[in-house]
Amino acid sequence: MNLLINIMTKLGLLKKDLDYHLLRASMVIIFLFFGYQKWFDYEAQASIPYISHGPLIFWMYPVFGIKGACLLLGVAEWLFGALLFAGFWNKKLGILGAIGGCVSFIATFTIIPFIPDGWAPSAGGFPAMTERVAFLMKDLVLFAVSFYLLKQGIVRVTHTAKHNDLVMEADRAA
């Protein structure tokens, strides 16, 4: 086991911020691909049971229609992905992207109790998930990642601000 740990260490697994950057990059890719598929009719049709039963997003169909709601979600996902991508250089933009991710995944994860045919009757119902609930379960982890990126962004912005304040105080004292 020690050999494996040493190899992983030499490969850079403990490199500073590697996990943070991998999570950010993963979220950018997820938002890019999920946003892209929203431009196609097959996704608009596949989204009907999710959006129409979402306690936070059900209103989108009466306001925008099926295709319009799907396009709006796609634009929002691309926006959140772009903000997270920009967060590599600008932490404040990354914070906005992480907030968007948190809101997005709260909106989708809260669909689980309301999705029709979400629990397999042949297996006794809850907690035996069907593919509909299983598809939404990933959003719990994606919410946690978005929350982590939000927290890290705030920590990094406030740390930089405190550091800049200390530098300004030192300059004034000199």
N, C-alpha and C. Protein backbone atom coordinates (compact mmCIF):
# COMPACT_ATOMS: atom_id res chain seq x y z
N MET A 1 0.82 -1.19 0.00
CA MET A 1 0.00 0.00 0.00
C MET A 1 0.87 1.26 0.00
N ASN A 2 1.95 1.25 0.76
CA ASN A 2 2.84 2.41 0.80
C ASN A 2 3.43 2.69 -0.57
N LEU A 3 3.74 1.62 -1.32
CA LEU A 3 4.27 1.79 -2.68
C LEU A 3 3.25 2.51 -3.55
N LEU A 4 2.00 2.11 -3.45
CA LEU A 4 0.94 2.74 -4.24
C LEU A 4 0.80 4.22 -3.86
N ILE A 5 0.84 4.50 -2.58
CA ILE A 5 0.74 5.89 -2.11
C ILE A 5 1.92 6.71 -2.62
N ASN A 6 3.11 6.15 -2.57
CA ASN A 6 4.30 6.86 -3.07
C ASN A 6 4.21 7.13 -4.56
N ILE A 7 3.72 6.16 -5.32
CA ILE A 7 3.58 6.34 -6.77
C ILE A 7 2.58 7.45 -7.06
N MET A 8 1.44 7.42 -6.36
CA MET A 8 0.41 8.45 -6.57
C MET A 8 0.95 9.84 -6.21
N THR A 9 1.73 9.91 -5.16
CA THR A 9 2.31 11.19 -4.75
C THR A 9 3.27 11.70 -5.82
N LYS A 10 4.09 10.82 -6.37
CA LYS A 10 5.04 11.22 -7.40
C LYS A 10 4.35 11.61 -8.70
N LEU A 11 3.18 11.06 -8.94
CA LEU A 11 2.42 11.41 -10.14
C LEU A 11 1.73 12.77 -10.03
N GLY A 12 1.80 13.39 -8.86
CA GLY A 12 1.24 14.73 -8.70
C GLY A 12 -0.16 14.75 -8.12
N LEU A 13 -0.60 13.62 -7.56
CA LEU A 13 -1.95 13.55 -7.02
C LEU A 13 -2.17 14.57 -5.89
N LEU A 14 -1.12 14.91 -5.19
CA LEU A 14 -1.23 15.87 -4.08
C LEU A 14 -0.90 17.30 -4.49
N LYS A 15 -0.74 17.51 -5.80
CA LYS A 15 -0.43 18.85 -6.28
C LYS A 15 -1.48 19.84 -5.79
N LYS A 16 -1.02 20.98 -5.36
CA LYS A 16 -1.92 21.99 -4.80
C LYS A 16 -3.05 22.34 -5.77
N ASP A 17 -4.27 22.29 -5.27
CA ASP A 17 -5.48 22.68 -6.00
C ASP A 17 -5.86 21.76 -7.15
N LEU A 18 -5.21 20.60 -7.30
CA LEU A 18 -5.56 19.70 -8.40
C LEU A 18 -7.03 19.31 -8.32
N ASP A 19 -7.51 18.94 -7.14
CA ASP A 19 -8.91 18.54 -6.99
C ASP A 19 -9.86 19.69 -7.33
N TYR A 20 -9.53 20.87 -6.88
CA TYR A 20 -10.34 22.06 -7.15
C TYR A 20 -10.44 22.31 -8.66
N HIS A 21 -9.33 22.25 -9.35
CA HIS A 21 -9.33 22.50 -10.79
C HIS A 21 -10.02 21.38 -11.56
N LEU A 22 -9.85 20.14 -11.13
CA LEU A 22 -10.54 19.02 -11.79
C LEU A 22 -12.05 19.14 -11.62
N LEU A 23 -12.49 19.49 -10.44
CA LEU A 23 -13.93 19.66 -10.23
C LEU A 23 -14.48 20.81 -11.06
N ARG A 24 -13.77 21.92 -11.11
CA ARG A 24 -14.21 23.06 -11.92
C ARG A 24 -14.29 22.66 -13.40
N ALA A 25 -13.25 22.03 -13.90
CA ALA A 25 -13.23 21.61 -15.31
C ALA A 25 -14.35 20.61 -15.60
N SER A 26 -14.60 19.69 -14.68
CA SER A 26 -15.67 18.72 -14.86
C SER A 26 -17.03 19.40 -14.96
N MET A 27 -17.25 20.39 -14.11
CA MET A 27 -18.53 21.10 -14.15
C MET A 27 -18.70 21.90 -15.44
N VAL A 28 -17.61 22.47 -15.92
CA VAL A 28 -17.68 23.19 -17.20
C VAL A 28 -18.10 22.23 -18.31
N ILE A 29 -17.49 21.06 -18.34
CA ILE A 29 -17.82 20.07 -19.38
C ILE A 29 -19.26 19.59 -19.24
N ILE A 30 -19.70 19.34 -18.02
CA ILE A 30 -21.08 18.88 -17.80
C ILE A 30 -22.07 19.94 -18.28
N PHE A 31 -21.86 21.19 -17.90
CA PHE A 31 -22.77 22.25 -18.34
C PHE A 31 -22.71 22.43 -19.86
N LEU A 32 -21.55 22.28 -20.46
CA LEU A 32 -21.43 22.40 -21.91
C LEU A 32 -22.27 21.33 -22.61
N PHE A 33 -22.11 20.07 -22.20
CA PHE A 33 -22.81 18.98 -22.87
C PHE A 33 -24.31 18.96 -22.56
N PHE A 34 -24.68 19.18 -21.31
CA PHE A 34 -26.10 19.19 -20.99
C PHE A 34 -26.79 20.40 -21.63
N GLY A 35 -26.11 21.53 -21.69
CA GLY A 35 -26.67 22.70 -22.35
C GLY A 35 -26.84 22.49 -23.85
N TYR A 36 -25.87 21.79 -24.46
CA TYR A 36 -25.91 21.53 -25.90
C TYR A 36 -27.12 20.70 -26.28
N GLN A 37 -27.40 19.67 -25.52
CA GLN A 37 -28.50 18.78 -25.91
C GLN A 37 -29.86 19.45 -25.79
N LYS A 38 -29.94 20.55 -25.04
CA LYS A 38 -31.22 21.25 -24.89
C LYS A 38 -31.68 21.92 -26.19
N TRP A 39 -30.82 21.98 -27.20
CA TRP A 39 -31.18 22.62 -28.46
C TRP A 39 -31.93 21.69 -29.41
N PHE A 40 -32.14 20.45 -29.01
CA PHE A 40 -32.74 19.46 -29.90
C PHE A 40 -34.09 18.99 -29.38
N ASP A 41 -34.99 18.69 -30.33
CA ASP A 41 -36.35 18.29 -29.98
C ASP A 41 -36.38 17.04 -29.11
N TYR A 42 -35.48 16.08 -29.36
CA TYR A 42 -35.51 14.86 -28.55
C TYR A 42 -35.35 15.18 -27.07
N GLU A 43 -34.52 16.17 -26.75
CA GLU A 43 -34.31 16.55 -25.34
C GLU A 43 -35.52 17.30 -24.80
N ALA A 44 -36.11 18.14 -25.63
CA ALA A 44 -37.31 18.87 -25.19
C ALA A 44 -38.41 17.87 -24.82
N GLN A 45 -38.58 16.84 -25.62
CA GLN A 45 -39.60 15.83 -25.34
C GLN A 45 -39.23 14.98 -24.12
N ALA A 46 -37.96 14.64 -24.00
CA ALA A 46 -37.51 13.82 -22.87
C ALA A 46 -37.60 14.58 -21.55
N SER A 47 -37.58 15.90 -21.61
CA SER A 47 -37.61 16.73 -20.40
C SER A 47 -39.01 16.94 -19.85
N ILE A 48 -40.03 16.62 -20.62
CA ILE A 48 -41.41 16.91 -20.22
C ILE A 48 -41.76 16.36 -18.83
N PRO A 49 -41.52 15.08 -18.54
CA PRO A 49 -41.92 14.61 -17.20
C PRO A 49 -41.12 15.26 -16.07
N TYR A 50 -39.93 15.70 -16.37
CA TYR A 50 -39.10 16.33 -15.33
C TYR A 50 -39.54 17.76 -15.06
N ILE A 51 -39.60 18.55 -16.11
CA ILE A 51 -39.95 19.97 -15.94
C ILE A 51 -41.39 20.13 -15.46
N SER A 52 -42.31 19.35 -16.02
CA SER A 52 -43.72 19.53 -15.65
C SER A 52 -44.01 19.11 -14.21
N HIS A 53 -43.12 18.31 -13.60
CA HIS A 53 -43.33 17.88 -12.21
C HIS A 53 -42.34 18.52 -11.23
N GLY A 54 -41.53 19.44 -11.72
CA GLY A 54 -40.57 20.10 -10.86
C GLY A 54 -41.22 21.19 -10.03
N PRO A 55 -41.16 21.10 -8.71
CA PRO A 55 -41.84 22.11 -7.89
C PRO A 55 -41.27 23.51 -8.05
N LEU A 56 -40.04 23.64 -8.56
CA LEU A 56 -39.44 24.96 -8.74
C LEU A 56 -39.42 25.40 -10.20
N ILE A 57 -39.69 24.48 -11.15
CA ILE A 57 -39.57 24.85 -12.57
C ILE A 57 -40.81 24.52 -13.40
N PHE A 58 -41.89 24.02 -12.78
CA PHE A 58 -43.10 23.65 -13.52
C PHE A 58 -43.69 24.80 -14.31
N TRP A 59 -43.49 26.02 -13.85
CA TRP A 59 -44.05 27.22 -14.45
C TRP A 59 -43.45 27.54 -15.82
N MET A 60 -42.34 26.90 -16.15
CA MET A 60 -41.64 27.25 -17.39
C MET A 60 -42.44 26.90 -18.64
N TYR A 61 -43.17 25.79 -18.63
CA TYR A 61 -43.94 25.41 -19.81
C TYR A 61 -45.07 26.39 -20.12
N PRO A 62 -45.86 26.78 -19.14
CA PRO A 62 -46.91 27.77 -19.47
C PRO A 62 -46.33 29.10 -19.94
N VAL A 63 -45.17 29.47 -19.45
CA VAL A 63 -44.58 30.76 -19.81
C VAL A 63 -43.84 30.70 -21.14
N PHE A 64 -43.03 29.67 -21.35
CA PHE A 64 -42.14 29.61 -22.53
C PHE A 64 -42.49 28.52 -23.53
N GLY A 65 -43.36 27.61 -23.20
CA GLY A 65 -43.64 26.47 -24.06
C GLY A 65 -42.57 25.40 -23.86
N ILE A 66 -42.80 24.24 -24.45
CA ILE A 66 -41.88 23.11 -24.27
C ILE A 66 -40.51 23.43 -24.85
N LYS A 67 -40.47 23.86 -26.08
CA LYS A 67 -39.17 24.15 -26.72
C LYS A 67 -38.50 25.37 -26.09
N GLY A 68 -39.27 26.40 -25.80
CA GLY A 68 -38.70 27.61 -25.20
C GLY A 68 -38.10 27.35 -23.83
N ALA A 69 -38.79 26.53 -23.01
CA ALA A 69 -38.27 26.20 -21.69
C ALA A 69 -36.97 25.43 -21.81
N CYS A 70 -36.93 24.50 -22.74
CA CYS A 70 -35.72 23.71 -22.93
C CYS A 70 -34.57 24.59 -23.41
N LEU A 71 -34.85 25.50 -24.33
CA LEU A 71 -33.80 26.42 -24.81
C LEU A 71 -33.31 27.33 -23.69
N LEU A 72 -34.24 27.82 -22.87
CA LEU A 72 -33.85 28.67 -21.75
C LEU A 72 -32.92 27.91 -20.79
N LEU A 73 -33.26 26.66 -20.51
CA LEU A 73 -32.39 25.85 -19.65
C LEU A 73 -31.02 25.64 -20.29
N GLY A 74 -31.00 25.43 -21.59
CA GLY A 74 -29.73 25.26 -22.29
C GLY A 74 -28.87 26.51 -22.23
N VAL A 75 -29.47 27.65 -22.42
CA VAL A 75 -28.74 28.92 -22.32
C VAL A 75 -28.22 29.11 -20.90
N ALA A 76 -29.06 28.81 -19.91
CA ALA A 76 -28.64 28.95 -18.51
C ALA A 76 -27.46 28.01 -18.22
N GLU A 77 -27.53 26.78 -18.70
CA GLU A 77 -26.44 25.83 -18.46
C GLU A 77 -25.16 26.30 -19.12
N TRP A 78 -25.26 26.83 -20.33
CA TRP A 78 -24.05 27.36 -20.99
C TRP A 78 -23.51 28.57 -20.25
N LEU A 79 -24.40 29.41 -19.75
CA LEU A 79 -23.97 30.58 -18.98
C LEU A 79 -23.24 30.14 -17.72
N PHE A 80 -23.82 29.20 -16.99
CA PHE A 80 -23.16 28.72 -15.76
C PHE A 80 -21.81 28.08 -16.08
N GLY A 81 -21.76 27.31 -17.16
CA GLY A 81 -20.50 26.70 -17.57
C GLY A 81 -19.47 27.74 -17.96
N ALA A 82 -19.90 28.77 -18.68
CA ALA A 82 -18.97 29.84 -19.09
C ALA A 82 -18.45 30.61 -17.87
N LEU A 83 -19.34 30.87 -16.91
CA LEU A 83 -18.91 31.56 -15.69
C LEU A 83 -17.94 30.70 -14.88
N LEU A 84 -18.21 29.41 -14.80
CA LEU A 84 -17.28 28.52 -14.10
C LEU A 84 -15.94 28.47 -14.82
N PHE A 85 -15.98 28.46 -16.14
CA PHE A 85 -14.73 28.47 -16.93
C PHE A 85 -13.96 29.76 -16.67
N ALA A 86 -14.67 30.88 -16.69
CA ALA A 86 -14.02 32.17 -16.43
C ALA A 86 -13.45 32.21 -15.01
N GLY A 87 -14.03 31.40 -14.12
CA GLY A 87 -13.56 31.34 -12.75
C GLY A 87 -12.14 30.84 -12.59
N PHE A 88 -11.59 30.22 -13.62
CA PHE A 88 -10.18 29.84 -13.58
C PHE A 88 -9.30 31.09 -13.43
N TRP A 89 -9.78 32.21 -13.98
CA TRP A 89 -9.01 33.45 -13.96
C TRP A 89 -9.63 34.53 -13.07
N ASN A 90 -10.95 34.53 -13.00
CA ASN A 90 -11.66 35.55 -12.24
C ASN A 90 -12.56 34.84 -11.22
N LYS A 91 -12.14 34.82 -9.99
CA LYS A 91 -12.86 34.07 -8.95
C LYS A 91 -14.29 34.57 -8.74
N LYS A 92 -14.52 35.86 -8.92
CA LYS A 92 -15.86 36.40 -8.72
C LYS A 92 -16.83 35.87 -9.78
N LEU A 93 -16.37 35.74 -11.02
CA LEU A 93 -17.22 35.14 -12.05
C LEU A 93 -17.46 33.66 -11.75
N GLY A 94 -16.44 33.00 -11.23
CA GLY A 94 -16.58 31.60 -10.84
C GLY A 94 -17.61 31.43 -9.74
N ILE A 95 -17.67 32.39 -8.82
CA ILE A 95 -18.67 32.36 -7.76
C ILE A 95 -20.08 32.43 -8.37
N LEU A 96 -20.27 33.30 -9.34
CA LEU A 96 -21.58 33.41 -10.00
C LEU A 96 -21.95 32.09 -10.68
N GLY A 97 -20.99 31.46 -11.34
CA GLY A 97 -21.24 30.17 -11.98
C GLY A 97 -21.59 29.10 -10.97
N ALA A 98 -20.91 29.10 -9.84
CA ALA A 98 -21.20 28.11 -8.79
C ALA A 98 -22.58 28.34 -8.18
N ILE A 99 -22.96 29.60 -8.00
CA ILE A 99 -24.32 29.89 -7.51
C ILE A 99 -25.34 29.37 -8.51
N GLY A 100 -25.11 29.62 -9.79
CA GLY A 100 -26.00 29.10 -10.83
C GLY A 100 -26.09 27.59 -10.78
N GLY A 101 -24.95 26.92 -10.58
CA GLY A 101 -24.96 25.47 -10.46
C GLY A 101 -25.78 25.01 -9.26
N CYS A 102 -25.58 25.66 -8.13
CA CYS A 102 -26.35 25.29 -6.93
C CYS A 102 -27.85 25.42 -7.17
N VAL A 103 -28.26 26.54 -7.72
CA VAL A 103 -29.68 26.76 -7.99
C VAL A 103 -30.20 25.73 -8.99
N SER A 104 -29.43 25.50 -10.03
CA SER A 104 -29.82 24.54 -11.06
C SER A 104 -30.04 23.14 -10.49
N PHE A 105 -29.11 22.70 -9.66
CA PHE A 105 -29.22 21.33 -9.14
C PHE A 105 -30.22 21.21 -8.01
N ILE A 106 -30.47 22.28 -7.29
CA ILE A 106 -31.58 22.25 -6.32
C ILE A 106 -32.89 22.11 -7.08
N ALA A 107 -33.02 22.87 -8.16
CA ALA A 107 -34.25 22.82 -8.96
C ALA A 107 -34.49 21.44 -9.54
N THR A 108 -33.44 20.75 -9.96
CA THR A 108 -33.65 19.43 -10.55
C THR A 108 -33.76 18.33 -9.49
N PHE A 109 -32.99 18.43 -8.43
CA PHE A 109 -33.03 17.40 -7.40
C PHE A 109 -34.38 17.38 -6.68
N THR A 110 -35.03 18.52 -6.56
CA THR A 110 -36.32 18.57 -5.87
C THR A 110 -37.44 17.95 -6.70
N ILE A 111 -37.17 17.56 -7.92
CA ILE A 111 -38.17 16.88 -8.75
C ILE A 111 -38.41 15.45 -8.25
N ILE A 112 -37.41 14.85 -7.61
CA ILE A 112 -37.46 13.42 -7.26
C ILE A 112 -38.76 13.01 -6.56
N PRO A 113 -39.22 13.70 -5.55
CA PRO A 113 -40.45 13.23 -4.89
C PRO A 113 -41.70 13.31 -5.77
N PHE A 114 -41.64 14.08 -6.84
CA PHE A 114 -42.83 14.35 -7.65
C PHE A 114 -42.82 13.67 -9.01
N ILE A 115 -41.72 13.04 -9.38
CA ILE A 115 -41.61 12.45 -10.72
C ILE A 115 -42.52 11.22 -10.81
N PRO A 116 -43.34 11.14 -11.85
CA PRO A 116 -44.19 9.94 -11.98
C PRO A 116 -43.33 8.71 -12.30
N ASP A 117 -43.75 7.60 -11.79
CA ASP A 117 -43.06 6.32 -12.02
C ASP A 117 -41.60 6.37 -11.58
N GLY A 118 -41.34 7.06 -10.48
CA GLY A 118 -39.97 7.19 -10.00
C GLY A 118 -39.48 6.02 -9.18
N TRP A 119 -40.41 5.24 -8.63
CA TRP A 119 -40.03 4.12 -7.77
C TRP A 119 -40.60 2.84 -8.34
N ALA A 120 -39.80 1.82 -8.44
CA ALA A 120 -40.16 0.56 -9.10
C ALA A 120 -41.13 -0.26 -8.24
N PRO A 121 -42.40 -0.36 -8.66
CA PRO A 121 -43.36 -1.14 -7.88
C PRO A 121 -42.97 -2.62 -7.79
N SER A 122 -42.35 -3.13 -8.85
CA SER A 122 -41.96 -4.55 -8.86
C SER A 122 -40.90 -4.87 -7.80
N ALA A 123 -40.22 -3.84 -7.31
CA ALA A 123 -39.20 -4.03 -6.27
C ALA A 123 -39.67 -3.48 -4.93
N GLY A 124 -40.95 -3.19 -4.82
CA GLY A 124 -41.49 -2.71 -3.55
C GLY A 124 -41.57 -1.20 -3.44
N GLY A 125 -41.33 -0.48 -4.53
CA GLY A 125 -41.38 0.99 -4.49
C GLY A 125 -40.15 1.58 -3.84
N PHE A 126 -40.34 2.70 -3.15
CA PHE A 126 -39.23 3.38 -2.50
C PHE A 126 -38.50 2.40 -1.58
N PRO A 127 -37.19 2.34 -1.60
CA PRO A 127 -36.18 3.15 -2.26
C PRO A 127 -35.68 2.59 -3.59
N ALA A 128 -36.43 1.66 -4.19
CA ALA A 128 -36.01 1.06 -5.47
C ALA A 128 -36.29 2.05 -6.60
N MET A 129 -35.24 2.69 -7.09
CA MET A 129 -35.38 3.75 -8.10
C MET A 129 -35.61 3.19 -9.49
N THR A 130 -36.37 3.94 -10.28
CA THR A 130 -36.40 3.69 -11.72
C THR A 130 -35.35 4.60 -12.36
N GLU A 131 -35.19 4.49 -13.65
CA GLU A 131 -34.17 5.30 -14.34
C GLU A 131 -34.44 6.80 -14.21
N ARG A 132 -35.69 7.18 -14.05
CA ARG A 132 -36.01 8.61 -13.91
C ARG A 132 -35.40 9.19 -12.63
N VAL A 133 -35.56 8.51 -11.52
CA VAL A 133 -34.99 8.98 -10.26
C VAL A 133 -33.47 8.84 -10.30
N ALA A 134 -33.00 7.72 -10.85
CA ALA A 134 -31.55 7.51 -10.93
C ALA A 134 -30.89 8.63 -11.72
N PHE A 135 -31.52 9.07 -12.80
CA PHE A 135 -30.99 10.17 -13.60
C PHE A 135 -30.86 11.44 -12.76
N LEU A 136 -31.82 11.69 -11.90
CA LEU A 136 -31.80 12.90 -11.08
C LEU A 136 -30.87 12.79 -9.87
N MET A 137 -30.56 11.58 -9.44
CA MET A 137 -29.70 11.40 -8.27
C MET A 137 -28.32 12.01 -8.47
N LYS A 138 -27.83 12.02 -9.69
CA LYS A 138 -26.51 12.62 -9.96
C LYS A 138 -26.49 14.09 -9.56
N ASP A 139 -27.65 14.72 -9.56
CA ASP A 139 -27.71 16.15 -9.24
C ASP A 139 -27.41 16.43 -7.78
N LEU A 140 -27.54 15.45 -6.93
CA LEU A 140 -27.14 15.63 -5.54
C LEU A 140 -25.63 15.82 -5.45
N VAL A 141 -24.90 15.00 -6.18
CA VAL A 141 -23.43 15.13 -6.20
C VAL A 141 -23.03 16.41 -6.92
N LEU A 142 -23.69 16.72 -8.02
CA LEU A 142 -23.36 17.94 -8.75
C LEU A 142 -23.68 19.19 -7.93
N PHE A 143 -24.71 19.13 -7.11
CA PHE A 143 -24.97 20.22 -6.18
C PHE A 143 -23.82 20.35 -5.19
N ALA A 144 -23.38 19.23 -4.64
CA ALA A 144 -22.27 19.25 -3.68
C ALA A 144 -21.01 19.83 -4.30
N VAL A 145 -20.73 19.48 -5.55
CA VAL A 145 -19.56 20.03 -6.25
C VAL A 145 -19.74 21.53 -6.45
N SER A 146 -20.93 21.95 -6.87
CA SER A 146 -21.19 23.39 -7.06
C SER A 146 -21.04 24.14 -5.75
N PHE A 147 -21.52 23.55 -4.67
CA PHE A 147 -21.40 24.19 -3.36
C PHE A 147 -19.93 24.29 -2.95
N TYR A 148 -19.15 23.24 -3.21
CA TYR A 148 -17.72 23.25 -2.91
C TYR A 148 -17.02 24.37 -3.70
N LEU A 149 -17.35 24.48 -4.98
CA LEU A 149 -16.74 25.53 -5.80
C LEU A 149 -17.17 26.92 -5.32
N LEU A 150 -18.42 27.05 -4.89
CA LEU A 150 -18.89 28.32 -4.34
C LEU A 150 -18.10 28.67 -3.08
N LYS A 151 -17.99 27.71 -2.18
CA LYS A 151 -17.25 27.94 -0.94
C LYS A 151 -15.80 28.30 -1.23
N GLN A 152 -15.15 27.54 -2.10
CA GLN A 152 -13.75 27.80 -2.43
C GLN A 152 -13.59 29.16 -3.09
N GLY A 153 -14.53 29.53 -3.95
CA GLY A 153 -14.46 30.85 -4.59
C GLY A 153 -14.54 31.97 -3.56
N ILE A 154 -15.47 31.84 -2.63
CA ILE A 154 -15.62 32.87 -1.59
C ILE A 154 -14.37 32.93 -0.72
N VAL A 155 -13.85 31.77 -0.33
CA VAL A 155 -12.64 31.73 0.50
C VAL A 155 -11.49 32.40 -0.25
N ARG A 156 -11.33 32.09 -1.51
CA ARG A 156 -10.21 32.63 -2.28
C ARG A 156 -10.36 34.13 -2.51
N VAL A 157 -11.58 34.60 -2.76
CA VAL A 157 -11.79 36.04 -2.95
C VAL A 157 -11.55 36.78 -1.65
N THR A 158 -12.07 36.27 -0.54
CA THR A 158 -11.88 36.97 0.73
C THR A 158 -10.43 36.90 1.19
N HIS A 159 -9.76 35.80 0.91
CA HIS A 159 -8.34 35.68 1.27
C HIS A 159 -7.51 36.70 0.49
N THR A 160 -7.81 36.84 -0.79
CA THR A 160 -7.10 37.81 -1.63
C THR A 160 -7.37 39.23 -1.14
N ALA A 161 -8.63 39.50 -0.78
CA ALA A 161 -8.99 40.83 -0.30
C ALA A 161 -8.27 41.14 1.01
N LYS A 162 -8.21 40.17 1.92
CA LYS A 162 -7.51 40.38 3.19
C LYS A 162 -6.02 40.59 2.95
N HIS A 163 -5.46 39.81 2.02
CA HIS A 163 -4.04 39.96 1.70
C HIS A 163 -3.78 41.36 1.13
N ASN A 164 -4.64 41.82 0.24
CA ASN A 164 -4.47 43.16 -0.34
C ASN A 164 -4.60 44.24 0.72
N ASP A 165 -5.51 44.06 1.68
CA ASP A 165 -5.65 45.03 2.77
C ASP A 165 -4.39 45.09 3.61
N LEU A 166 -3.80 43.93 3.89
CA LEU A 166 -2.55 43.90 4.67
C LEU A 166 -1.41 44.59 3.93
N VAL A 167 -1.34 44.39 2.62
CA VAL A 167 -0.30 45.03 1.82
C VAL A 167 -0.50 46.54 1.83
N MET A 168 -1.75 47.00 1.70
CA MET A 168 -2.03 48.43 1.70
C MET A 168 -1.68 49.05 3.07
N GLU A 169 -1.98 48.33 4.16
CA GLU A 169 -1.65 48.82 5.49
C GLU A 169 -0.13 48.92 5.65
N ALA A 170 0.59 47.94 5.14
CA ALA A 170 2.05 47.95 5.23
C ALA A 170 2.63 49.10 4.42
N ASP A 171 2.04 49.37 3.25
CA ASP A 171 2.50 50.48 2.42
C ASP A 171 2.27 51.81 3.13
N ARG A 172 1.12 51.97 3.78
CA ARG A 172 0.80 53.20 4.47
C ARG A 172 1.73 53.39 5.68
N ALA A 173 2.07 52.30 6.34
CA ALA A 173 2.95 52.38 7.52
C ALA A 173 4.38 52.72 7.12
N ALA A 174 4.74 52.37 5.90
CA ALA A 174 6.13 52.60 5.46
C ALA A 174 6.34 53.97 4.98
